[in-house]
Amino acid sequence: MMVDVTPEQFRRILSEVPTPVVVVTSVAPAGPAALAIGSFVSISLDPLLVGVFPAKTSSSWPAIRDAGRFCINVLAEDQVQLSRTFSARGGDKFATVAWRPSPSGSPIVEGCIVWIDCDLESEMEVGDHTLVVGRVRAMEHQRDAHALVFHRGDYTSTSAAILTGGEA
């Protein structure tokens, strides 16, 4: 039986599922490029693969794609403004952002919890987004902090997580 679901229902109901906020960075010929993404996933242990889902309308993704490599920066709960900076269209997103190069040269945003340096493995159009698969080349846990997440249409963090003592 087919059920009709509107985009509004889809968005409202799936807003109940928290998603991590990451910034995907690279160095393009015109300089550093970046975008904030609220859809990040671990894909495979063998080979080591992760995925992000930029919107097809992203003006930043083409420059990152063309570079062939990128760094995923997992933001901390105290980096809401950084997420907003990297979510904006146009302008120099790195004008006020401290960063250093990853092994591939892509920007590692200062203060992120984790960075994951990747080579572009593949991409596939999926609806109004693109599934981008990155092959992990290097990664590091930089600091202990709670992750910034997007939940119910707003920023929150994992600081309210219930510790069960077991594995998920």
N, C-alpha and C. Protein backbone atom coordinates (compact mmCIF):
# COMPACT_ATOMS: atom_id res chain seq x y z
N MET A 1 0.84 -1.17 0.00
CA MET A 1 0.00 0.00 0.00
C MET A 1 0.89 1.24 0.00
N MET A 2 0.64 2.17 -0.90
CA MET A 2 1.40 3.40 -1.03
C MET A 2 0.78 4.49 -0.16
N VAL A 3 1.61 5.18 0.59
CA VAL A 3 1.16 6.27 1.44
C VAL A 3 1.72 7.57 0.85
N ASP A 4 0.87 8.57 0.70
CA ASP A 4 1.33 9.87 0.21
C ASP A 4 1.98 10.64 1.35
N VAL A 5 3.22 11.06 1.12
CA VAL A 5 3.97 11.83 2.10
C VAL A 5 4.40 13.11 1.42
N THR A 6 4.11 14.24 2.03
CA THR A 6 4.51 15.51 1.46
C THR A 6 5.94 15.83 1.89
N PRO A 7 6.63 16.69 1.13
CA PRO A 7 7.97 17.12 1.56
C PRO A 7 7.96 17.77 2.94
N GLU A 8 6.90 18.48 3.27
CA GLU A 8 6.80 19.11 4.59
C GLU A 8 6.73 18.06 5.69
N GLN A 9 5.92 17.00 5.48
CA GLN A 9 5.83 15.91 6.47
C GLN A 9 7.18 15.22 6.61
N PHE A 10 7.79 14.94 5.49
CA PHE A 10 9.09 14.28 5.46
C PHE A 10 10.09 15.06 6.30
N ARG A 11 10.19 16.37 6.05
CA ARG A 11 11.14 17.22 6.77
C ARG A 11 10.80 17.26 8.26
N ARG A 12 9.53 17.44 8.60
CA ARG A 12 9.12 17.54 10.00
C ARG A 12 9.40 16.25 10.75
N ILE A 13 9.04 15.13 10.18
CA ILE A 13 9.21 13.85 10.86
C ILE A 13 10.68 13.47 10.97
N LEU A 14 11.44 13.66 9.90
CA LEU A 14 12.85 13.29 9.95
C LEU A 14 13.69 14.28 10.75
N SER A 15 13.11 15.44 11.10
CA SER A 15 13.84 16.37 11.98
C SER A 15 13.99 15.78 13.38
N GLU A 16 13.26 14.71 13.66
CA GLU A 16 13.39 14.01 14.95
C GLU A 16 14.70 13.22 15.03
N VAL A 17 15.36 13.03 13.90
CA VAL A 17 16.62 12.28 13.87
C VAL A 17 17.78 13.26 13.87
N PRO A 18 18.56 13.32 14.95
CA PRO A 18 19.69 14.25 15.01
C PRO A 18 20.75 13.91 13.96
N THR A 19 21.35 14.94 13.39
CA THR A 19 22.42 14.73 12.42
C THR A 19 23.63 15.57 12.82
N PRO A 20 24.84 15.03 12.64
CA PRO A 20 26.04 15.80 12.99
C PRO A 20 26.23 16.95 12.01
N VAL A 21 26.83 18.03 12.49
CA VAL A 21 27.15 19.16 11.63
C VAL A 21 28.64 19.10 11.32
N VAL A 22 28.96 19.05 10.03
CA VAL A 22 30.35 19.01 9.59
C VAL A 22 30.59 20.12 8.58
N VAL A 23 31.85 20.49 8.45
CA VAL A 23 32.26 21.42 7.41
C VAL A 23 33.22 20.66 6.51
N VAL A 24 32.91 20.64 5.22
CA VAL A 24 33.75 19.98 4.22
C VAL A 24 34.60 21.06 3.56
N THR A 25 35.92 20.86 3.57
CA THR A 25 36.84 21.87 3.06
C THR A 25 37.76 21.29 2.00
N SER A 26 38.30 22.16 1.17
CA SER A 26 39.31 21.78 0.20
C SER A 26 40.03 23.03 -0.25
N VAL A 27 41.08 22.84 -1.03
CA VAL A 27 41.77 23.98 -1.61
C VAL A 27 41.57 23.91 -3.11
N ALA A 28 40.88 24.90 -3.65
CA ALA A 28 40.62 25.01 -5.08
C ALA A 28 41.62 26.01 -5.67
N PRO A 29 41.71 26.09 -7.00
CA PRO A 29 42.62 27.06 -7.61
C PRO A 29 42.38 28.50 -7.14
N ALA A 30 41.13 28.85 -6.83
CA ALA A 30 40.81 30.20 -6.37
C ALA A 30 41.04 30.38 -4.87
N GLY A 31 41.47 29.33 -4.18
CA GLY A 31 41.69 29.42 -2.74
C GLY A 31 40.85 28.41 -1.99
N PRO A 32 40.83 28.49 -0.65
CA PRO A 32 40.07 27.53 0.15
C PRO A 32 38.57 27.58 -0.17
N ALA A 33 37.95 26.41 -0.20
CA ALA A 33 36.51 26.30 -0.43
C ALA A 33 35.93 25.45 0.69
N ALA A 34 34.67 25.72 1.04
CA ALA A 34 34.05 24.97 2.13
C ALA A 34 32.54 25.08 2.10
N LEU A 35 31.89 24.11 2.73
CA LEU A 35 30.46 24.17 2.94
C LEU A 35 30.10 23.37 4.18
N ALA A 36 29.05 23.82 4.88
CA ALA A 36 28.53 23.09 6.03
C ALA A 36 27.53 22.08 5.53
N ILE A 37 27.56 20.89 6.12
CA ILE A 37 26.66 19.82 5.73
C ILE A 37 26.12 19.15 6.98
N GLY A 38 24.82 18.86 6.98
CA GLY A 38 24.19 18.20 8.11
C GLY A 38 23.91 16.74 7.87
N SER A 39 24.56 16.15 6.88
CA SER A 39 24.38 14.72 6.61
C SER A 39 25.75 14.10 6.39
N PHE A 40 26.24 13.40 7.40
CA PHE A 40 27.54 12.74 7.36
C PHE A 40 27.36 11.32 7.86
N VAL A 41 28.07 10.37 7.24
CA VAL A 41 27.90 8.98 7.63
C VAL A 41 29.20 8.21 7.42
N SER A 42 29.46 7.28 8.33
CA SER A 42 30.52 6.31 8.16
C SER A 42 29.97 5.22 7.25
N ILE A 43 30.72 4.83 6.23
CA ILE A 43 30.20 3.86 5.25
C ILE A 43 30.85 2.49 5.37
N SER A 44 32.18 2.43 5.43
CA SER A 44 32.86 1.14 5.33
C SER A 44 34.17 1.14 6.12
N LEU A 45 34.50 -0.04 6.69
CA LEU A 45 35.79 -0.24 7.34
C LEU A 45 36.83 -0.80 6.39
N ASP A 46 36.39 -1.47 5.32
CA ASP A 46 37.32 -2.07 4.37
C ASP A 46 36.77 -1.97 2.96
N PRO A 47 37.16 -0.93 2.21
CA PRO A 47 38.11 0.11 2.56
C PRO A 47 37.46 1.15 3.48
N LEU A 48 38.28 2.04 4.03
CA LEU A 48 37.79 3.09 4.92
C LEU A 48 37.08 4.16 4.08
N LEU A 49 35.75 4.23 4.22
CA LEU A 49 34.95 5.17 3.43
C LEU A 49 33.97 5.92 4.32
N VAL A 50 33.78 7.19 4.02
CA VAL A 50 32.78 8.03 4.68
C VAL A 50 31.97 8.73 3.60
N GLY A 51 30.82 9.28 4.00
CA GLY A 51 29.98 9.96 3.02
C GLY A 51 29.39 11.25 3.53
N VAL A 52 29.19 12.18 2.63
CA VAL A 52 28.49 13.43 2.90
C VAL A 52 27.50 13.67 1.75
N PHE A 53 26.54 14.53 1.99
CA PHE A 53 25.47 14.75 1.02
C PHE A 53 25.26 16.23 0.73
N PRO A 54 26.09 16.85 -0.12
CA PRO A 54 25.84 18.25 -0.46
C PRO A 54 24.61 18.37 -1.36
N ALA A 55 23.91 19.49 -1.23
CA ALA A 55 22.76 19.75 -2.09
C ALA A 55 23.25 19.96 -3.53
N LYS A 56 22.44 19.55 -4.50
CA LYS A 56 22.80 19.75 -5.90
C LYS A 56 22.96 21.24 -6.21
N THR A 57 22.30 22.09 -5.44
CA THR A 57 22.35 23.53 -5.67
C THR A 57 23.56 24.18 -5.03
N SER A 58 24.41 23.42 -4.35
CA SER A 58 25.58 23.99 -3.68
C SER A 58 26.49 24.67 -4.69
N SER A 59 26.88 25.90 -4.37
CA SER A 59 27.83 26.60 -5.23
C SER A 59 29.27 26.29 -4.82
N SER A 60 29.46 25.71 -3.64
CA SER A 60 30.80 25.38 -3.15
C SER A 60 31.25 23.98 -3.54
N TRP A 61 30.32 23.03 -3.65
CA TRP A 61 30.71 21.64 -3.92
C TRP A 61 31.49 21.49 -5.23
N PRO A 62 31.13 22.15 -6.34
CA PRO A 62 31.90 21.93 -7.58
C PRO A 62 33.40 22.22 -7.44
N ALA A 63 33.78 23.25 -6.71
CA ALA A 63 35.20 23.55 -6.52
C ALA A 63 35.88 22.45 -5.69
N ILE A 64 35.17 21.94 -4.69
CA ILE A 64 35.73 20.87 -3.86
C ILE A 64 35.86 19.59 -4.70
N ARG A 65 34.83 19.28 -5.48
CA ARG A 65 34.87 18.11 -6.36
C ARG A 65 36.06 18.18 -7.30
N ASP A 66 36.25 19.34 -7.91
CA ASP A 66 37.34 19.49 -8.88
C ASP A 66 38.71 19.31 -8.25
N ALA A 67 38.83 19.61 -6.96
CA ALA A 67 40.11 19.41 -6.26
C ALA A 67 40.42 17.93 -6.08
N GLY A 68 39.36 17.08 -6.02
CA GLY A 68 39.56 15.65 -5.89
C GLY A 68 39.89 15.16 -4.50
N ARG A 69 39.91 16.06 -3.54
CA ARG A 69 40.20 15.70 -2.15
C ARG A 69 39.51 16.72 -1.25
N PHE A 70 39.26 16.31 -0.02
CA PHE A 70 38.57 17.19 0.91
C PHE A 70 38.81 16.73 2.34
N CYS A 71 38.51 17.61 3.28
CA CYS A 71 38.63 17.29 4.69
C CYS A 71 37.27 17.54 5.35
N ILE A 72 36.81 16.57 6.11
CA ILE A 72 35.56 16.69 6.85
C ILE A 72 35.94 17.10 8.27
N ASN A 73 35.40 18.23 8.71
CA ASN A 73 35.65 18.76 10.05
C ASN A 73 34.38 18.61 10.87
N VAL A 74 34.41 17.79 11.92
CA VAL A 74 33.25 17.59 12.77
C VAL A 74 33.23 18.71 13.81
N LEU A 75 32.18 19.53 13.77
CA LEU A 75 32.12 20.70 14.64
C LEU A 75 31.70 20.35 16.06
N ALA A 76 32.19 21.18 16.99
CA ALA A 76 31.85 21.06 18.41
C ALA A 76 30.66 21.95 18.72
N GLU A 77 30.02 21.70 19.86
CA GLU A 77 28.83 22.45 20.23
C GLU A 77 29.08 23.95 20.37
N ASP A 78 30.31 24.37 20.57
CA ASP A 78 30.61 25.80 20.69
C ASP A 78 30.96 26.44 19.34
N GLN A 79 30.67 25.73 18.24
CA GLN A 79 31.02 26.24 16.91
C GLN A 79 29.79 26.51 16.04
N VAL A 80 28.69 26.91 16.65
CA VAL A 80 27.48 27.23 15.91
C VAL A 80 27.75 28.34 14.90
N GLN A 81 28.44 29.40 15.34
CA GLN A 81 28.70 30.52 14.43
C GLN A 81 29.52 30.07 13.23
N LEU A 82 30.45 29.15 13.45
CA LEU A 82 31.24 28.62 12.34
C LEU A 82 30.35 27.90 11.34
N SER A 83 29.40 27.13 11.83
CA SER A 83 28.47 26.45 10.95
C SER A 83 27.69 27.47 10.12
N ARG A 84 27.25 28.53 10.76
CA ARG A 84 26.51 29.58 10.04
C ARG A 84 27.39 30.25 9.00
N THR A 85 28.64 30.50 9.34
CA THR A 85 29.58 31.11 8.39
C THR A 85 29.72 30.24 7.15
N PHE A 86 29.90 28.93 7.35
CA PHE A 86 30.11 28.03 6.23
C PHE A 86 28.82 27.65 5.51
N SER A 87 27.67 27.98 6.10
CA SER A 87 26.38 27.72 5.44
C SER A 87 26.00 28.85 4.51
N ALA A 88 26.60 30.02 4.68
CA ALA A 88 26.25 31.19 3.87
C ALA A 88 26.73 31.01 2.43
N ARG A 89 26.00 31.60 1.52
CA ARG A 89 26.40 31.59 0.10
C ARG A 89 27.35 32.74 -0.18
N GLY A 90 28.38 32.44 -0.96
CA GLY A 90 29.30 33.48 -1.42
C GLY A 90 30.20 34.02 -0.32
N GLY A 91 31.03 34.96 -0.70
CA GLY A 91 31.93 35.61 0.24
C GLY A 91 33.13 34.74 0.59
N ASP A 92 34.07 35.33 1.30
CA ASP A 92 35.26 34.62 1.74
C ASP A 92 34.96 33.97 3.09
N LYS A 93 34.61 32.70 3.07
CA LYS A 93 34.23 31.99 4.29
C LYS A 93 35.39 31.82 5.26
N PHE A 94 36.61 31.95 4.76
CA PHE A 94 37.79 31.76 5.61
C PHE A 94 38.37 33.07 6.13
N ALA A 95 37.73 34.19 5.84
CA ALA A 95 38.26 35.51 6.22
C ALA A 95 38.54 35.62 7.71
N THR A 96 37.70 35.02 8.54
CA THR A 96 37.87 35.13 9.99
C THR A 96 38.03 33.76 10.66
N VAL A 97 38.35 32.75 9.88
CA VAL A 97 38.43 31.38 10.40
C VAL A 97 39.88 30.91 10.43
N ALA A 98 40.33 30.47 11.60
CA ALA A 98 41.68 29.93 11.73
C ALA A 98 41.69 28.48 11.25
N TRP A 99 42.72 28.14 10.47
CA TRP A 99 42.83 26.77 9.98
C TRP A 99 44.29 26.47 9.66
N ARG A 100 44.54 25.17 9.51
CA ARG A 100 45.86 24.69 9.10
C ARG A 100 45.64 23.60 8.06
N PRO A 101 46.63 23.30 7.24
CA PRO A 101 46.42 22.30 6.20
C PRO A 101 46.46 20.86 6.73
N SER A 102 45.59 20.04 6.17
CA SER A 102 45.61 18.60 6.45
C SER A 102 46.74 18.00 5.62
N PRO A 103 47.01 16.69 5.75
CA PRO A 103 48.04 16.08 4.91
C PRO A 103 47.81 16.31 3.40
N SER A 104 46.54 16.42 2.98
CA SER A 104 46.27 16.66 1.55
C SER A 104 46.29 18.14 1.20
N GLY A 105 46.40 19.00 2.22
CA GLY A 105 46.38 20.43 2.00
C GLY A 105 45.03 21.08 2.24
N SER A 106 44.00 20.28 2.45
CA SER A 106 42.66 20.82 2.72
C SER A 106 42.62 21.43 4.11
N PRO A 107 41.83 22.49 4.31
CA PRO A 107 41.79 23.14 5.62
C PRO A 107 41.21 22.26 6.73
N ILE A 108 41.94 22.25 7.86
CA ILE A 108 41.43 21.71 9.11
C ILE A 108 41.02 22.93 9.93
N VAL A 109 39.74 23.01 10.25
CA VAL A 109 39.20 24.16 10.98
C VAL A 109 39.62 24.06 12.44
N GLU A 110 40.22 25.14 12.94
CA GLU A 110 40.66 25.17 14.33
C GLU A 110 39.48 24.92 15.27
N GLY A 111 39.69 24.04 16.23
CA GLY A 111 38.69 23.76 17.25
C GLY A 111 37.71 22.66 16.92
N CYS A 112 37.78 22.09 15.71
CA CYS A 112 36.87 20.99 15.40
C CYS A 112 37.24 19.78 16.27
N ILE A 113 36.29 18.90 16.46
CA ILE A 113 36.52 17.73 17.31
C ILE A 113 37.38 16.70 16.60
N VAL A 114 37.01 16.43 15.37
CA VAL A 114 37.65 15.40 14.56
C VAL A 114 37.82 15.95 13.15
N TRP A 115 38.92 15.61 12.50
CA TRP A 115 39.04 15.90 11.08
C TRP A 115 39.35 14.59 10.35
N ILE A 116 38.80 14.49 9.13
CA ILE A 116 38.95 13.29 8.32
C ILE A 116 39.35 13.73 6.92
N ASP A 117 40.57 13.44 6.53
CA ASP A 117 41.11 13.84 5.24
C ASP A 117 40.80 12.74 4.22
N CYS A 118 40.22 13.12 3.09
CA CYS A 118 39.73 12.12 2.13
C CYS A 118 40.13 12.44 0.70
N ASP A 119 40.21 11.39 -0.09
CA ASP A 119 40.25 11.50 -1.55
C ASP A 119 38.84 11.22 -2.04
N LEU A 120 38.43 11.92 -3.06
CA LEU A 120 37.10 11.68 -3.64
C LEU A 120 37.08 10.30 -4.28
N GLU A 121 36.26 9.42 -3.74
CA GLU A 121 36.14 8.05 -4.25
C GLU A 121 35.07 7.97 -5.34
N SER A 122 33.90 8.53 -5.05
CA SER A 122 32.81 8.49 -6.03
C SER A 122 31.72 9.46 -5.61
N GLU A 123 30.83 9.72 -6.53
CA GLU A 123 29.64 10.51 -6.20
C GLU A 123 28.50 10.02 -7.06
N MET A 124 27.29 10.18 -6.51
CA MET A 124 26.10 9.70 -7.19
C MET A 124 24.95 10.64 -6.85
N GLU A 125 24.22 11.05 -7.86
CA GLU A 125 23.06 11.90 -7.62
C GLU A 125 21.96 11.07 -6.95
N VAL A 126 21.43 11.61 -5.87
CA VAL A 126 20.35 10.97 -5.13
C VAL A 126 19.32 12.04 -4.79
N GLY A 127 18.25 12.10 -5.56
CA GLY A 127 17.24 13.12 -5.34
C GLY A 127 17.81 14.51 -5.53
N ASP A 128 17.59 15.39 -4.56
CA ASP A 128 18.08 16.77 -4.68
C ASP A 128 19.46 16.96 -4.04
N HIS A 129 20.14 15.86 -3.73
CA HIS A 129 21.48 15.89 -3.17
C HIS A 129 22.41 14.99 -3.97
N THR A 130 23.67 15.03 -3.63
CA THR A 130 24.68 14.16 -4.21
C THR A 130 25.32 13.38 -3.07
N LEU A 131 25.37 12.05 -3.21
CA LEU A 131 26.10 11.24 -2.25
C LEU A 131 27.56 11.29 -2.66
N VAL A 132 28.38 11.83 -1.79
CA VAL A 132 29.82 11.93 -2.04
C VAL A 132 30.51 10.93 -1.11
N VAL A 133 31.26 10.02 -1.69
CA VAL A 133 31.99 9.02 -0.93
C VAL A 133 33.46 9.41 -0.93
N GLY A 134 34.02 9.49 0.28
CA GLY A 134 35.43 9.82 0.43
C GLY A 134 36.20 8.64 0.97
N ARG A 135 37.37 8.39 0.38
CA ARG A 135 38.28 7.36 0.88
C ARG A 135 39.20 8.02 1.90
N VAL A 136 39.17 7.54 3.13
CA VAL A 136 39.92 8.15 4.22
C VAL A 136 41.41 7.92 4.01
N ARG A 137 42.16 9.03 4.07
CA ARG A 137 43.62 8.94 3.94
C ARG A 137 44.32 9.28 5.26
N ALA A 138 43.67 10.09 6.10
CA ALA A 138 44.21 10.43 7.42
C ALA A 138 43.06 10.97 8.26
N MET A 139 43.20 10.87 9.57
CA MET A 139 42.18 11.41 10.46
C MET A 139 42.77 11.60 11.85
N GLU A 140 42.12 12.49 12.62
CA GLU A 140 42.62 12.73 13.97
C GLU A 140 41.51 13.26 14.85
N HIS A 141 41.54 12.82 16.11
CA HIS A 141 40.67 13.36 17.15
C HIS A 141 41.46 14.49 17.80
N GLN A 142 40.95 15.74 17.71
CA GLN A 142 41.70 16.92 18.16
C GLN A 142 41.41 17.36 19.58
N ARG A 143 40.16 17.22 20.00
CA ARG A 143 39.83 17.69 21.35
C ARG A 143 38.58 17.00 21.85
N ASP A 144 38.47 16.93 23.18
CA ASP A 144 37.29 16.36 23.80
C ASP A 144 36.24 17.46 23.93
N ALA A 145 35.15 17.30 23.23
CA ALA A 145 34.03 18.24 23.27
C ALA A 145 32.81 17.50 22.76
N HIS A 146 31.66 18.04 23.05
CA HIS A 146 30.43 17.46 22.54
C HIS A 146 30.19 17.95 21.11
N ALA A 147 29.69 17.05 20.28
CA ALA A 147 29.46 17.38 18.87
C ALA A 147 28.26 18.30 18.71
N LEU A 148 28.37 19.17 17.72
CA LEU A 148 27.25 20.01 17.31
C LEU A 148 26.35 19.16 16.43
N VAL A 149 25.07 19.14 16.73
CA VAL A 149 24.11 18.39 15.91
C VAL A 149 22.94 19.30 15.55
N PHE A 150 22.26 18.90 14.51
CA PHE A 150 21.05 19.60 14.08
C PHE A 150 19.89 18.67 14.39
N HIS A 151 18.89 19.20 15.14
CA HIS A 151 17.79 18.36 15.60
C HIS A 151 16.56 19.24 15.75
N ARG A 152 15.44 18.80 15.20
CA ARG A 152 14.18 19.53 15.27
C ARG A 152 14.31 20.97 14.77
N GLY A 153 15.10 21.13 13.70
CA GLY A 153 15.22 22.41 13.05
C GLY A 153 16.13 23.41 13.73
N ASP A 154 16.95 22.96 14.67
CA ASP A 154 17.82 23.89 15.36
C ASP A 154 19.11 23.18 15.78
N TYR A 155 20.11 23.97 16.15
CA TYR A 155 21.36 23.42 16.65
C TYR A 155 21.17 22.94 18.09
N THR A 156 21.84 21.85 18.40
CA THR A 156 21.89 21.32 19.76
C THR A 156 23.22 20.60 19.88
N SER A 157 23.40 19.81 20.91
CA SER A 157 24.66 19.07 21.05
C SER A 157 24.39 17.69 21.61
N THR A 158 25.44 16.92 21.69
CA THR A 158 25.34 15.58 22.26
C THR A 158 25.58 15.60 23.75
N SER A 159 25.67 16.79 24.37
CA SER A 159 25.98 16.87 25.80
C SER A 159 24.89 16.27 26.67
N ALA A 160 23.69 16.13 26.13
CA ALA A 160 22.60 15.53 26.90
C ALA A 160 22.52 14.02 26.69
N ALA A 161 23.53 13.46 26.06
CA ALA A 161 23.51 12.03 25.76
C ALA A 161 23.45 11.21 27.05
N ILE A 162 22.67 10.16 27.01
CA ILE A 162 22.55 9.26 28.16
C ILE A 162 23.61 8.17 28.02
N LEU A 163 24.40 8.02 29.03
CA LEU A 163 25.45 7.01 28.99
C LEU A 163 24.86 5.69 29.49
N THR A 164 24.93 4.67 28.63
CA THR A 164 24.35 3.38 28.98
C THR A 164 25.42 2.39 29.43
N GLY A 165 26.68 2.73 29.17
CA GLY A 165 27.75 1.82 29.55
C GLY A 165 27.96 0.71 28.54
N GLY A 166 27.14 0.67 27.51
CA GLY A 166 27.29 -0.38 26.50
C GLY A 166 27.54 0.20 25.13
N GLU A 167 27.75 -0.67 24.23
CA GLU A 167 27.96 -0.28 22.83
C GLU A 167 26.61 -0.11 22.16
N ALA A 168 26.57 0.82 21.22
CA ALA A 168 25.32 1.04 20.47
C ALA A 168 25.15 -0.01 19.40
